[in-house]
Amino acid sequence: MKKIVFLLFSLTGVIFAAEGMDAYTTIASYSIISSGIVLGLAALGGALGMGNAASATLTGIARNPSVANKLSTTMYVSLAMIEAQVIYALVITFILLYANPLITDAIQTAAN
């Protein structure tokens, strides 16, 4: 984990190393970094949640095999809900990268 954090901070130093960055470059750089962090954390949380859901379902089926169909159905619904949260994070990432309202404000400010 320390290596990943060190790599993240070393790469942000390279991104912000340019002197005299304008508002557009600064906002774009922060958007790229934040979108990577958001998507990484969402994928990590989704993977942990799916693993816990599958583990609990398999434990329940092992204890009482007669309710396997009900538990499997419930697990599939919960996995779809967990995956939906990751997809929402992906949508937020796309908004940060391609439809960022702060970038249009920076362009309008720079034009004036």
PDB file of N, CA and C in Angstrom:
ATOM      1  N   MET A   1       0.820  -1.188   0.000  1.00  0.00           N
ATOM      2  CA  MET A   1       0.000   0.000   0.000  1.00  0.00           C
ATOM      3  C   MET A   1       0.869   1.259   0.000  1.00  0.00           C
ATOM      4  N   LYS A   2       1.962   1.211   0.745  1.00  0.00           N
ATOM      5  CA  LYS A   2       2.845   2.375   0.790  1.00  0.00           C
ATOM      6  C   LYS A   2       3.452   2.660  -0.578  1.00  0.00           C
ATOM      7  N   LYS A   3       3.740   1.603  -1.319  1.00  0.00           N
ATOM      8  CA  LYS A   3       4.311   1.781  -2.648  1.00  0.00           C
ATOM      9  C   LYS A   3       3.314   2.452  -3.591  1.00  0.00           C
ATOM     10  N   ILE A   4       2.046   2.075  -3.475  1.00  0.00           N
ATOM     11  CA  ILE A   4       1.024   2.660  -4.341  1.00  0.00           C
ATOM     12  C   ILE A   4       0.842   4.146  -4.028  1.00  0.00           C
ATOM     13  N   VAL A   5       0.784   4.477  -2.739  1.00  0.00           N
ATOM     14  CA  VAL A   5       0.634   5.883  -2.347  1.00  0.00           C
ATOM     15  C   VAL A   5       1.856   6.688  -2.784  1.00  0.00           C
ATOM     16  N   PHE A   6       3.035   6.118  -2.622  1.00  0.00           N
ATOM     17  CA  PHE A   6       4.251   6.795  -3.061  1.00  0.00           C
ATOM     18  C   PHE A   6       4.231   7.025  -4.570  1.00  0.00           C
ATOM     19  N   LEU A   7       3.808   6.018  -5.325  1.00  0.00           N
ATOM     20  CA  LEU A   7       3.724   6.151  -6.778  1.00  0.00           C
ATOM     21  C   LEU A   7       2.712   7.224  -7.159  1.00  0.00           C
ATOM     22  N   LEU A   8       1.578   7.258  -6.474  1.00  0.00           N
ATOM     23  CA  LEU A   8       0.563   8.264  -6.760  1.00  0.00           C
ATOM     24  C   LEU A   8       1.111   9.672  -6.546  1.00  0.00           C
ATOM     25  N   PHE A   9       1.757   9.888  -5.404  1.00  0.00           N
ATOM     26  CA  PHE A   9       2.283  11.219  -5.128  1.00  0.00           C
ATOM     27  C   PHE A   9       3.452  11.577  -6.047  1.00  0.00           C
ATOM     28  N   SER A  10       4.242  10.593  -6.449  1.00  0.00           N
ATOM     29  CA  SER A  10       5.339  10.916  -7.362  1.00  0.00           C
ATOM     30  C   SER A  10       4.794  11.292  -8.743  1.00  0.00           C
ATOM     31  N   LEU A  11       3.722  10.643  -9.180  1.00  0.00           N
ATOM     32  CA  LEU A  11       3.140  10.992 -10.472  1.00  0.00           C
ATOM     33  C   LEU A  11       2.438  12.343 -10.427  1.00  0.00           C
ATOM     34  N   THR A  12       1.832  12.683  -9.303  1.00  0.00           N
ATOM     35  CA  THR A  12       1.212  14.004  -9.221  1.00  0.00           C
ATOM     36  C   THR A  12       2.266  15.100  -9.249  1.00  0.00           C
ATOM     37  N   GLY A  13       3.448  14.819  -8.739  1.00  0.00           N
ATOM     38  CA  GLY A  13       4.528  15.795  -8.829  1.00  0.00           C
ATOM     39  C   GLY A  13       4.933  16.049 -10.260  1.00  0.00           C
ATOM     40  N   VAL A  14       4.940  15.018 -11.069  1.00  0.00           N
ATOM     41  CA  VAL A  14       5.281  15.169 -12.483  1.00  0.00           C
ATOM     42  C   VAL A  14       4.186  15.951 -13.213  1.00  0.00           C
ATOM     43  N   ILE A  15       2.943  15.684 -12.860  1.00  0.00           N
ATOM     44  CA  ILE A  15       1.835  16.373 -13.528  1.00  0.00           C
ATOM     45  C   ILE A  15       1.871  17.869 -13.242  1.00  0.00           C
ATOM     46  N   PHE A  16       2.174  18.235 -11.996  1.00  0.00           N
ATOM     47  CA  PHE A  16       2.137  19.634 -11.608  1.00  0.00           C
ATOM     48  C   PHE A  16       3.507  20.301 -11.671  1.00  0.00           C
ATOM     49  N   ALA A  17       4.463  19.708 -12.362  1.00  0.00           N
ATOM     50  CA  ALA A  17       5.817  20.257 -12.391  1.00  0.00           C
ATOM     51  C   ALA A  17       5.948  21.476 -13.297  1.00  0.00           C
ATOM     52  N   ALA A  18       5.020  21.662 -14.188  1.00  0.00           N
ATOM     53  CA  ALA A  18       5.126  22.784 -15.129  1.00  0.00           C
ATOM     54  C   ALA A  18       4.920  24.106 -14.408  1.00  0.00           C
ATOM     55  N   GLU A  19       5.723  25.063 -14.784  1.00  0.00           N
ATOM     56  CA  GLU A  19       5.581  26.398 -14.202  1.00  0.00           C
ATOM     57  C   GLU A  19       4.544  27.182 -14.988  1.00  0.00           C
ATOM     58  N   GLY A  20       3.828  28.026 -14.286  1.00  0.00           N
ATOM     59  CA  GLY A  20       2.865  28.898 -14.950  1.00  0.00           C
ATOM     60  C   GLY A  20       1.677  28.160 -15.534  1.00  0.00           C
ATOM     61  N   MET A  21       1.182  27.171 -14.821  1.00  0.00           N
ATOM     62  CA  MET A  21       0.016  26.456 -15.330  1.00  0.00           C
ATOM     63  C   MET A  21      -1.211  27.365 -15.262  1.00  0.00           C
ATOM     64  N   ASP A  22      -2.018  27.319 -16.294  1.00  0.00           N
ATOM     65  CA  ASP A  22      -3.233  28.114 -16.279  1.00  0.00           C
ATOM     66  C   ASP A  22      -4.350  27.331 -15.580  1.00  0.00           C
ATOM     67  N   ALA A  23      -5.505  27.941 -15.468  1.00  0.00           N
ATOM     68  CA  ALA A  23      -6.619  27.326 -14.741  1.00  0.00           C
ATOM     69  C   ALA A  23      -7.094  26.050 -15.435  1.00  0.00           C
ATOM     70  N   TYR A  24      -7.093  26.057 -16.759  1.00  0.00           N
ATOM     71  CA  TYR A  24      -7.543  24.873 -17.494  1.00  0.00           C
ATOM     72  C   TYR A  24      -6.667  23.669 -17.186  1.00  0.00           C
ATOM     73  N   THR A  25      -5.375  23.845 -17.221  1.00  0.00           N
ATOM     74  CA  THR A  25      -4.452  22.736 -16.962  1.00  0.00           C
ATOM     75  C   THR A  25      -4.576  22.233 -15.531  1.00  0.00           C
ATOM     76  N   THR A  26      -4.729  23.145 -14.587  1.00  0.00           N
ATOM     77  CA  THR A  26      -4.857  22.753 -13.197  1.00  0.00           C
ATOM     78  C   THR A  26      -6.132  21.946 -12.965  1.00  0.00           C
ATOM     79  N   ILE A  27      -7.245  22.437 -13.482  1.00  0.00           N
ATOM     80  CA  ILE A  27      -8.515  21.734 -13.303  1.00  0.00           C
ATOM     81  C   ILE A  27      -8.489  20.390 -14.017  1.00  0.00           C
ATOM     82  N   ALA A  28      -7.931  20.338 -15.208  1.00  0.00           N
ATOM     83  CA  ALA A  28      -7.844  19.070 -15.931  1.00  0.00           C
ATOM     84  C   ALA A  28      -6.974  18.066 -15.181  1.00  0.00           C
ATOM     85  N   SER A  29      -5.871  18.521 -14.608  1.00  0.00           N
ATOM     86  CA  SER A  29      -4.989  17.623 -13.864  1.00  0.00           C
ATOM     87  C   SER A  29      -5.680  17.081 -12.618  1.00  0.00           C
ATOM     88  N   TYR A  30      -6.332  17.967 -11.880  1.00  0.00           N
ATOM     89  CA  TYR A  30      -7.063  17.513 -10.688  1.00  0.00           C
ATOM     90  C   TYR A  30      -8.214  16.584 -11.062  1.00  0.00           C
ATOM     91  N   SER A  31      -8.862  16.826 -12.179  1.00  0.00           N
ATOM     92  CA  SER A  31      -9.956  15.962 -12.609  1.00  0.00           C
ATOM     93  C   SER A  31      -9.460  14.569 -12.952  1.00  0.00           C
ATOM     94  N   ILE A  32      -8.323  14.480 -13.602  1.00  0.00           N
ATOM     95  CA  ILE A  32      -7.764  13.180 -13.959  1.00  0.00           C
ATOM     96  C   ILE A  32      -7.370  12.406 -12.706  1.00  0.00           C
ATOM     97  N   ILE A  33      -6.722  13.070 -11.773  1.00  0.00           N
ATOM     98  CA  ILE A  33      -6.307  12.394 -10.543  1.00  0.00           C
ATOM     99  C   ILE A  33      -7.512  11.953  -9.727  1.00  0.00           C
ATOM    100  N   SER A  34      -8.488  12.845  -9.574  1.00  0.00           N
ATOM    101  CA  SER A  34      -9.655  12.497  -8.759  1.00  0.00           C
ATOM    102  C   SER A  34     -10.497  11.410  -9.409  1.00  0.00           C
ATOM    103  N   SER A  35     -10.593  11.399 -10.728  1.00  0.00           N
ATOM    104  CA  SER A  35     -11.361  10.347 -11.381  1.00  0.00           C
ATOM    105  C   SER A  35     -10.692   8.990 -11.215  1.00  0.00           C
ATOM    106  N   GLY A  36      -9.390   8.950 -11.263  1.00  0.00           N
ATOM    107  CA  GLY A  36      -8.690   7.687 -11.021  1.00  0.00           C
ATOM    108  C   GLY A  36      -8.883   7.181  -9.607  1.00  0.00           C
ATOM    109  N   ILE A  37      -8.839   8.088  -8.647  1.00  0.00           N
ATOM    110  CA  ILE A  37      -9.041   7.694  -7.249  1.00  0.00           C
ATOM    111  C   ILE A  37     -10.472   7.217  -7.026  1.00  0.00           C
ATOM    112  N   VAL A  38     -11.448   7.953  -7.579  1.00  0.00           N
ATOM    113  CA  VAL A  38     -12.856   7.575  -7.409  1.00  0.00           C
ATOM    114  C   VAL A  38     -13.126   6.206  -8.002  1.00  0.00           C
ATOM    115  N   LEU A  39     -12.656   5.966  -9.205  1.00  0.00           N
ATOM    116  CA  LEU A  39     -12.917   4.686  -9.855  1.00  0.00           C
ATOM    117  C   LEU A  39     -12.186   3.548  -9.161  1.00  0.00           C
ATOM    118  N   GLY A  40     -10.973   3.790  -8.699  1.00  0.00           N
ATOM    119  CA  GLY A  40     -10.240   2.751  -7.975  1.00  0.00           C
ATOM    120  C   GLY A  40     -10.899   2.373  -6.673  1.00  0.00           C
ATOM    121  N   LEU A  41     -11.349   3.364  -5.910  1.00  0.00           N
ATOM    122  CA  LEU A  41     -12.025   3.067  -4.648  1.00  0.00           C
ATOM    123  C   LEU A  41     -13.368   2.382  -4.874  1.00  0.00           C
ATOM    124  N   ALA A  42     -14.081   2.775  -5.913  1.00  0.00           N
ATOM    125  CA  ALA A  42     -15.362   2.133  -6.209  1.00  0.00           C
ATOM    126  C   ALA A  42     -15.163   0.676  -6.613  1.00  0.00           C
ATOM    127  N   ALA A  43     -14.153   0.419  -7.421  1.00  0.00           N
ATOM    128  CA  ALA A  43     -13.883  -0.967  -7.821  1.00  0.00           C
ATOM    129  C   ALA A  43     -13.455  -1.812  -6.629  1.00  0.00           C
ATOM    130  N   LEU A  44     -12.644  -1.229  -5.756  1.00  0.00           N
ATOM    131  CA  LEU A  44     -12.218  -1.950  -4.561  1.00  0.00           C
ATOM    132  C   LEU A  44     -13.404  -2.257  -3.656  1.00  0.00           C
ATOM    133  N   GLY A  45     -14.255  -1.262  -3.408  1.00  0.00           N
ATOM    134  CA  GLY A  45     -15.427  -1.484  -2.563  1.00  0.00           C
ATOM    135  C   GLY A  45     -16.395  -2.484  -3.171  1.00  0.00           C
ATOM    136  N   GLY A  46     -16.599  -2.390  -4.478  1.00  0.00           N
ATOM    137  CA  GLY A  46     -17.483  -3.343  -5.147  1.00  0.00           C
ATOM    138  C   GLY A  46     -16.965  -4.767  -5.085  1.00  0.00           C
ATOM    139  N   ALA A  47     -15.671  -4.927  -5.269  1.00  0.00           N
ATOM    140  CA  ALA A  47     -15.076  -6.271  -5.202  1.00  0.00           C
ATOM    141  C   ALA A  47     -15.190  -6.860  -3.801  1.00  0.00           C
ATOM    142  N   LEU A  48     -14.933  -6.035  -2.793  1.00  0.00           N
ATOM    143  CA  LEU A  48     -15.069  -6.522  -1.418  1.00  0.00           C
ATOM    144  C   LEU A  48     -16.514  -6.876  -1.092  1.00  0.00           C
ATOM    145  N   GLY A  49     -17.446  -6.024  -1.525  1.00  0.00           N
ATOM    146  CA  GLY A  49     -18.861  -6.303  -1.272  1.00  0.00           C
ATOM    147  C   GLY A  49     -19.347  -7.555  -1.978  1.00  0.00           C
ATOM    148  N   MET A  50     -18.927  -7.740  -3.222  1.00  0.00           N
ATOM    149  CA  MET A  50     -19.336  -8.942  -3.953  1.00  0.00           C
ATOM    150  C   MET A  50     -18.737 -10.203  -3.334  1.00  0.00           C
ATOM    151  N   GLY A  51     -17.499 -10.102  -2.902  1.00  0.00           N
ATOM    152  CA  GLY A  51     -16.870 -11.247  -2.253  1.00  0.00           C
ATOM    153  C   GLY A  51     -17.568 -11.626  -0.963  1.00  0.00           C
ATOM    154  N   ASN A  52     -17.921 -10.629  -0.162  1.00  0.00           N
ATOM    155  CA  ASN A  52     -18.638 -10.905   1.084  1.00  0.00           C
ATOM    156  C   ASN A  52     -20.020 -11.480   0.820  1.00  0.00           C
ATOM    157  N   ALA A  53     -20.722 -10.969  -0.190  1.00  0.00           N
ATOM    158  CA  ALA A  53     -22.052 -11.484  -0.520  1.00  0.00           C
ATOM    159  C   ALA A  53     -21.989 -12.935  -0.992  1.00  0.00           C
ATOM    160  N   ALA A  54     -21.031 -13.228  -1.843  1.00  0.00           N
ATOM    161  CA  ALA A  54     -20.890 -14.607  -2.326  1.00  0.00           C
ATOM    162  C   ALA A  54     -20.487 -15.545  -1.196  1.00  0.00           C
ATOM    163  N   SER A  55     -19.602 -15.085  -0.331  1.00  0.00           N
ATOM    164  CA  SER A  55     -19.175 -15.912   0.798  1.00  0.00           C
ATOM    165  C   SER A  55     -20.338 -16.211   1.735  1.00  0.00           C
ATOM    166  N   ALA A  56     -21.129 -15.205   2.053  1.00  0.00           N
ATOM    167  CA  ALA A  56     -22.279 -15.413   2.943  1.00  0.00           C
ATOM    168  C   ALA A  56     -23.319 -16.334   2.307  1.00  0.00           C
ATOM    169  N   THR A  57     -23.521 -16.191   1.001  1.00  0.00           N
ATOM    170  CA  THR A  57     -24.481 -17.053   0.316  1.00  0.00           C
ATOM    171  C   THR A  57     -24.021 -18.499   0.309  1.00  0.00           C
ATOM    172  N   LEU A  58     -22.759 -18.720   0.018  1.00  0.00           N
ATOM    173  CA  LEU A  58     -22.247 -20.095   0.006  1.00  0.00           C
ATOM    174  C   LEU A  58     -22.266 -20.721   1.399  1.00  0.00           C
ATOM    175  N   THR A  59     -22.016 -19.912   2.418  1.00  0.00           N
ATOM    176  CA  THR A  59     -22.091 -20.416   3.788  1.00  0.00           C
ATOM    177  C   THR A  59     -23.523 -20.803   4.131  1.00  0.00           C
ATOM    178  N   GLY A  60     -24.479 -19.962   3.729  1.00  0.00           N
ATOM    179  CA  GLY A  60     -25.886 -20.274   3.979  1.00  0.00           C
ATOM    180  C   GLY A  60     -26.348 -21.513   3.241  1.00  0.00           C
ATOM    181  N   ILE A  61     -25.894 -21.688   2.007  1.00  0.00           N
ATOM    182  CA  ILE A  61     -26.265 -22.877   1.235  1.00  0.00           C
ATOM    183  C   ILE A  61     -25.632 -24.119   1.851  1.00  0.00           C
ATOM    184  N   ALA A  62     -24.410 -24.004   2.344  1.00  0.00           N
ATOM    185  CA  ALA A  62     -23.750 -25.152   2.969  1.00  0.00           C
ATOM    186  C   ALA A  62     -24.460 -25.559   4.252  1.00  0.00           C
ATOM    187  N   ARG A  63     -24.995 -24.597   4.980  1.00  0.00           N
ATOM    188  CA  ARG A  63     -25.703 -24.915   6.226  1.00  0.00           C
ATOM    189  C   ARG A  63     -27.090 -25.491   5.968  1.00  0.00           C
ATOM    190  N   ASN A  64     -27.792 -24.969   4.960  1.00  0.00           N
ATOM    191  CA  ASN A  64     -29.147 -25.410   4.675  1.00  0.00           C
ATOM    192  C   ASN A  64     -29.345 -25.490   3.167  1.00  0.00           C
ATOM    193  N   PRO A  65     -29.023 -26.634   2.561  1.00  0.00           N
ATOM    194  CA  PRO A  65     -29.097 -26.754   1.090  1.00  0.00           C
ATOM    195  C   PRO A  65     -30.501 -26.617   0.516  1.00  0.00           C
ATOM    196  N   SER A  66     -31.530 -26.757   1.319  1.00  0.00           N
ATOM    197  CA  SER A  66     -32.893 -26.687   0.784  1.00  0.00           C
ATOM    198  C   SER A  66     -33.298 -25.255   0.387  1.00  0.00           C
ATOM    199  N   VAL A  67     -32.609 -24.256   0.869  1.00  0.00           N
ATOM    200  CA  VAL A  67     -32.938 -22.871   0.522  1.00  0.00           C
ATOM    201  C   VAL A  67     -31.949 -22.289  -0.493  1.00  0.00           C
ATOM    202  N   ALA A  68     -31.306 -23.144  -1.246  1.00  0.00           N
ATOM    203  CA  ALA A  68     -30.283 -22.695  -2.196  1.00  0.00           C
ATOM    204  C   ALA A  68     -30.860 -21.766  -3.263  1.00  0.00           C
ATOM    205  N   ASN A  69     -32.057 -22.085  -3.765  1.00  0.00           N
ATOM    206  CA  ASN A  69     -32.648 -21.243  -4.823  1.00  0.00           C
ATOM    207  C   ASN A  69     -32.967 -19.845  -4.314  1.00  0.00           C
ATOM    208  N   LYS A  70     -33.533 -19.734  -3.115  1.00  0.00           N
ATOM    209  CA  LYS A  70     -33.873 -18.424  -2.564  1.00  0.00           C
ATOM    210  C   LYS A  70     -32.613 -17.608  -2.275  1.00  0.00           C
ATOM    211  N   LEU A  71     -31.616 -18.260  -1.724  1.00  0.00           N
ATOM    212  CA  LEU A  71     -30.377 -17.543  -1.424  1.00  0.00           C
ATOM    213  C   LEU A  71     -29.656 -17.101  -2.696  1.00  0.00           C
ATOM    214  N   SER A  72     -29.662 -17.950  -3.702  1.00  0.00           N
ATOM    215  CA  SER A  72     -29.001 -17.588  -4.965  1.00  0.00           C
ATOM    216  C   SER A  72     -29.689 -16.399  -5.625  1.00  0.00           C
ATOM    217  N   THR A  73     -31.017 -16.401  -5.609  1.00  0.00           N
ATOM    218  CA  THR A  73     -31.760 -15.285  -6.190  1.00  0.00           C
ATOM    219  C   THR A  73     -31.453 -13.986  -5.457  1.00  0.00           C
ATOM    220  N   THR A  74     -31.457 -14.052  -4.135  1.00  0.00           N
ATOM    221  CA  THR A  74     -31.147 -12.866  -3.341  1.00  0.00           C
ATOM    222  C   THR A  74     -29.721 -12.399  -3.587  1.00  0.00           C
ATOM    223  N   MET A  75     -28.801 -13.342  -3.742  1.00  0.00           N
ATOM    224  CA  MET A  75     -27.413 -12.973  -4.000  1.00  0.00           C
ATOM    225  C   MET A  75     -27.276 -12.269  -5.348  1.00  0.00           C
ATOM    226  N   TYR A  76     -27.967 -12.768  -6.371  1.00  0.00           N
ATOM    227  CA  TYR A  76     -27.861 -12.136  -7.681  1.00  0.00           C
ATOM    228  C   TYR A  76     -28.421 -10.719  -7.670  1.00  0.00           C
ATOM    229  N   VAL A  77     -29.501 -10.495  -6.943  1.00  0.00           N
ATOM    230  CA  VAL A  77     -30.065  -9.150  -6.842  1.00  0.00           C
ATOM    231  C   VAL A  77     -29.084  -8.229  -6.105  1.00  0.00           C
ATOM    232  N   SER A  78     -28.503  -8.721  -5.026  1.00  0.00           N
ATOM    233  CA  SER A  78     -27.562  -7.884  -4.277  1.00  0.00           C
ATOM    234  C   SER A  78     -26.292  -7.618  -5.087  1.00  0.00           C
ATOM    235  N   LEU A  79     -25.837  -8.580  -5.865  1.00  0.00           N
ATOM    236  CA  LEU A  79     -24.669  -8.351  -6.718  1.00  0.00           C
ATOM    237  C   LEU A  79     -24.966  -7.301  -7.784  1.00  0.00           C
ATOM    238  N   ALA A  80     -26.182  -7.305  -8.310  1.00  0.00           N
ATOM    239  CA  ALA A  80     -26.557  -6.287  -9.304  1.00  0.00           C
ATOM    240  C   ALA A  80     -26.576  -4.898  -8.670  1.00  0.00           C
ATOM    241  N   MET A  81     -27.048  -4.803  -7.426  1.00  0.00           N
ATOM    242  CA  MET A  81     -27.056  -3.506  -6.748  1.00  0.00           C
ATOM    243  C   MET A  81     -25.647  -3.020  -6.436  1.00  0.00           C
ATOM    244  N   ILE A  82     -24.787  -3.936  -6.052  1.00  0.00           N
ATOM    245  CA  ILE A  82     -23.394  -3.565  -5.789  1.00  0.00           C
ATOM    246  C   ILE A  82     -22.724  -3.098  -7.074  1.00  0.00           C
ATOM    247  N   GLU A  83     -22.961  -3.800  -8.160  1.00  0.00           N
ATOM    248  CA  GLU A  83     -22.362  -3.428  -9.439  1.00  0.00           C
ATOM    249  C   GLU A  83     -22.909  -2.094  -9.935  1.00  0.00           C
ATOM    250  N   ALA A  84     -24.159  -1.796  -9.610  1.00  0.00           N
ATOM    251  CA  ALA A  84     -24.732  -0.509 -10.005  1.00  0.00           C
ATOM    252  C   ALA A  84     -23.977   0.639  -9.351  1.00  0.00           C
ATOM    253  N   GLN A  85     -23.545   0.461  -8.116  1.00  0.00           N
ATOM    254  CA  GLN A  85     -22.780   1.517  -7.444  1.00  0.00           C
ATOM    255  C   GLN A  85     -21.448   1.765  -8.154  1.00  0.00           C
ATOM    256  N   VAL A  86     -20.821   0.710  -8.630  1.00  0.00           N
ATOM    257  CA  VAL A  86     -19.563   0.864  -9.361  1.00  0.00           C
ATOM    258  C   VAL A  86     -19.810   1.563 -10.699  1.00  0.00           C
ATOM    259  N   ILE A  87     -20.920   1.248 -11.330  1.00  0.00           N
ATOM    260  CA  ILE A  87     -21.253   1.902 -12.598  1.00  0.00           C
ATOM    261  C   ILE A  87     -21.545   3.378 -12.370  1.00  0.00           C
ATOM    262  N   TYR A  88     -22.183   3.721 -11.247  1.00  0.00           N
ATOM    263  CA  TYR A  88     -22.396   5.138 -10.922  1.00  0.00           C
ATOM    264  C   TYR A  88     -21.060   5.860 -10.771  1.00  0.00           C
ATOM    265  N   ALA A  89     -20.102   5.215 -10.146  1.00  0.00           N
ATOM    266  CA  ALA A  89     -18.775   5.819 -10.010  1.00  0.00           C
ATOM    267  C   ALA A  89     -18.124   5.998 -11.383  1.00  0.00           C
ATOM    268  N   LEU A  90     -18.344   5.049 -12.292  1.00  0.00           N
ATOM    269  CA  LEU A  90     -17.817   5.175 -13.648  1.00  0.00           C
ATOM    270  C   LEU A  90     -18.450   6.359 -14.367  1.00  0.00           C
ATOM    271  N   VAL A  91     -19.745   6.570 -14.169  1.00  0.00           N
ATOM    272  CA  VAL A  91     -20.425   7.718 -14.775  1.00  0.00           C
ATOM    273  C   VAL A  91     -19.862   9.019 -14.222  1.00  0.00           C
ATOM    274  N   ILE A  92     -19.634   9.075 -12.912  1.00  0.00           N
ATOM    275  CA  ILE A  92     -19.043  10.273 -12.305  1.00  0.00           C
ATOM    276  C   ILE A  92     -17.644  10.513 -12.868  1.00  0.00           C
ATOM    277  N   THR A  93     -16.896   9.435 -13.090  1.00  0.00           N
ATOM    278  CA  THR A  93     -15.568   9.569 -13.680  1.00  0.00           C
ATOM    279  C   THR A  93     -15.647  10.142 -15.087  1.00  0.00           C
ATOM    280  N   PHE A  94     -16.594   9.665 -15.889  1.00  0.00           N
ATOM    281  CA  PHE A  94     -16.750  10.208 -17.234  1.00  0.00           C
ATOM    282  C   PHE A  94     -17.152  11.681 -17.200  1.00  0.00           C
ATOM    283  N   ILE A  95     -17.992  12.049 -16.236  1.00  0.00           N
ATOM    284  CA  ILE A  95     -18.373  13.463 -16.107  1.00  0.00           C
ATOM    285  C   ILE A  95     -17.146  14.296 -15.757  1.00  0.00           C
ATOM    286  N   LEU A  96     -16.323  13.809 -14.826  1.00  0.00           N
ATOM    287  CA  LEU A  96     -15.122  14.553 -14.447  1.00  0.00           C
ATOM    288  C   LEU A  96     -14.146  14.695 -15.612  1.00  0.00           C
ATOM    289  N   LEU A  97     -14.087  13.689 -16.468  1.00  0.00           N
ATOM    290  CA  LEU A  97     -13.115  13.731 -17.560  1.00  0.00           C
ATOM    291  C   LEU A  97     -13.618  14.469 -18.795  1.00  0.00           C
ATOM    292  N   TYR A  98     -14.889  14.286 -19.158  1.00  0.00           N
ATOM    293  CA  TYR A  98     -15.344  14.780 -20.448  1.00  0.00           C
ATOM    294  C   TYR A  98     -16.381  15.897 -20.384  1.00  0.00           C
ATOM    295  N   ALA A  99     -17.125  16.023 -19.303  1.00  0.00           N
ATOM    296  CA  ALA A  99     -18.171  17.050 -19.228  1.00  0.00           C
ATOM    297  C   ALA A  99     -18.016  17.873 -17.961  1.00  0.00           C
ATOM    298  N   ASN A 100     -16.802  18.202 -17.623  1.00  0.00           N
ATOM    299  CA  ASN A 100     -16.522  18.918 -16.384  1.00  0.00           C
ATOM    300  C   ASN A 100     -16.953  20.383 -16.522  1.00  0.00           C
ATOM    301  N   PRO A 101     -17.915  20.812 -15.709  1.00  0.00           N
ATOM    302  CA  PRO A 101     -18.360  22.210 -15.835  1.00  0.00           C
ATOM    303  C   PRO A 101     -17.293  23.217 -15.386  1.00  0.00           C
ATOM    304  N   LEU A 102     -16.375  22.799 -14.547  1.00  0.00           N
ATOM    305  CA  LEU A 102     -15.325  23.712 -14.103  1.00  0.00           C
ATOM    306  C   LEU A 102     -14.370  24.064 -15.241  1.00  0.00           C
ATOM    307  N   ILE A 103     -14.180  23.147 -16.158  1.00  0.00           N
ATOM    308  CA  ILE A 103     -13.283  23.422 -17.283  1.00  0.00           C
ATOM    309  C   ILE A 103     -13.896  24.478 -18.207  1.00  0.00           C
ATOM    310  N   THR A 104     -15.209  24.392 -18.440  1.00  0.00           N
ATOM    311  CA  THR A 104     -15.837  25.405 -19.288  1.00  0.00           C
ATOM    312  C   THR A 104     -15.793  26.767 -18.622  1.00  0.00           C
ATOM    313  N   ASP A 105     -15.938  26.811 -17.285  1.00  0.00           N
ATOM    314  CA  ASP A 105     -15.796  28.090 -16.578  1.00  0.00           C
ATOM    315  C   ASP A 105     -14.379  28.631 -16.708  1.00  0.00           C
ATOM    316  N   ALA A 106     -13.388  27.764 -16.625  1.00  0.00           N
ATOM    317  CA  ALA A 106     -11.995  28.201 -16.755  1.00  0.00           C
ATOM    318  C   ALA A 106     -11.715  28.732 -18.151  1.00  0.00           C
ATOM    319  N   ILE A 107     -12.294  28.097 -19.152  1.00  0.00           N
ATOM    320  CA  ILE A 107     -12.096  28.573 -20.536  1.00  0.00           C
ATOM    321  C   ILE A 107     -12.758  29.935 -20.727  1.00  0.00           C
ATOM    322  N   GLN A 108     -13.956  30.109 -20.182  1.00  0.00           N
ATOM    323  CA  GLN A 108     -14.636  31.402 -20.306  1.00  0.00           C
ATOM    324  C   GLN A 108     -13.889  32.499 -19.548  1.00  0.00           C
ATOM    325  N   THR A 109     -13.331  32.168 -18.379  1.00  0.00           N
ATOM    326  CA  THR A 109     -12.571  33.145 -17.621  1.00  0.00           C
ATOM    327  C   THR A 109     -11.299  33.519 -18.362  1.00  0.00           C
ATOM    328  N   ALA A 110     -10.644  32.546 -18.972  1.00  0.00           N
ATOM    329  CA  ALA A 110      -9.412  32.818 -19.699  1.00  0.00           C
ATOM    330  C   ALA A 110      -9.682  33.651 -20.963  1.00  0.00           C
ATOM    331  N   ALA A 111     -10.876  33.477 -21.539  1.00  0.00           N
ATOM    332  CA  ALA A 111     -11.193  34.229 -22.747  1.00  0.00           C
ATOM    333  C   ALA A 111     -11.459  35.704 -22.454  1.00  0.00           C
ATOM    334  N   ASN A 112     -11.891  35.983 -21.234  1.00  0.00           N
ATOM    335  CA  ASN A 112     -12.198  37.387 -20.880  1.00  0.00           C
ATOM    336  C   ASN A 112     -11.015  38.134 -20.440  1.00  0.00           C
TER     337      ASN A 112
END
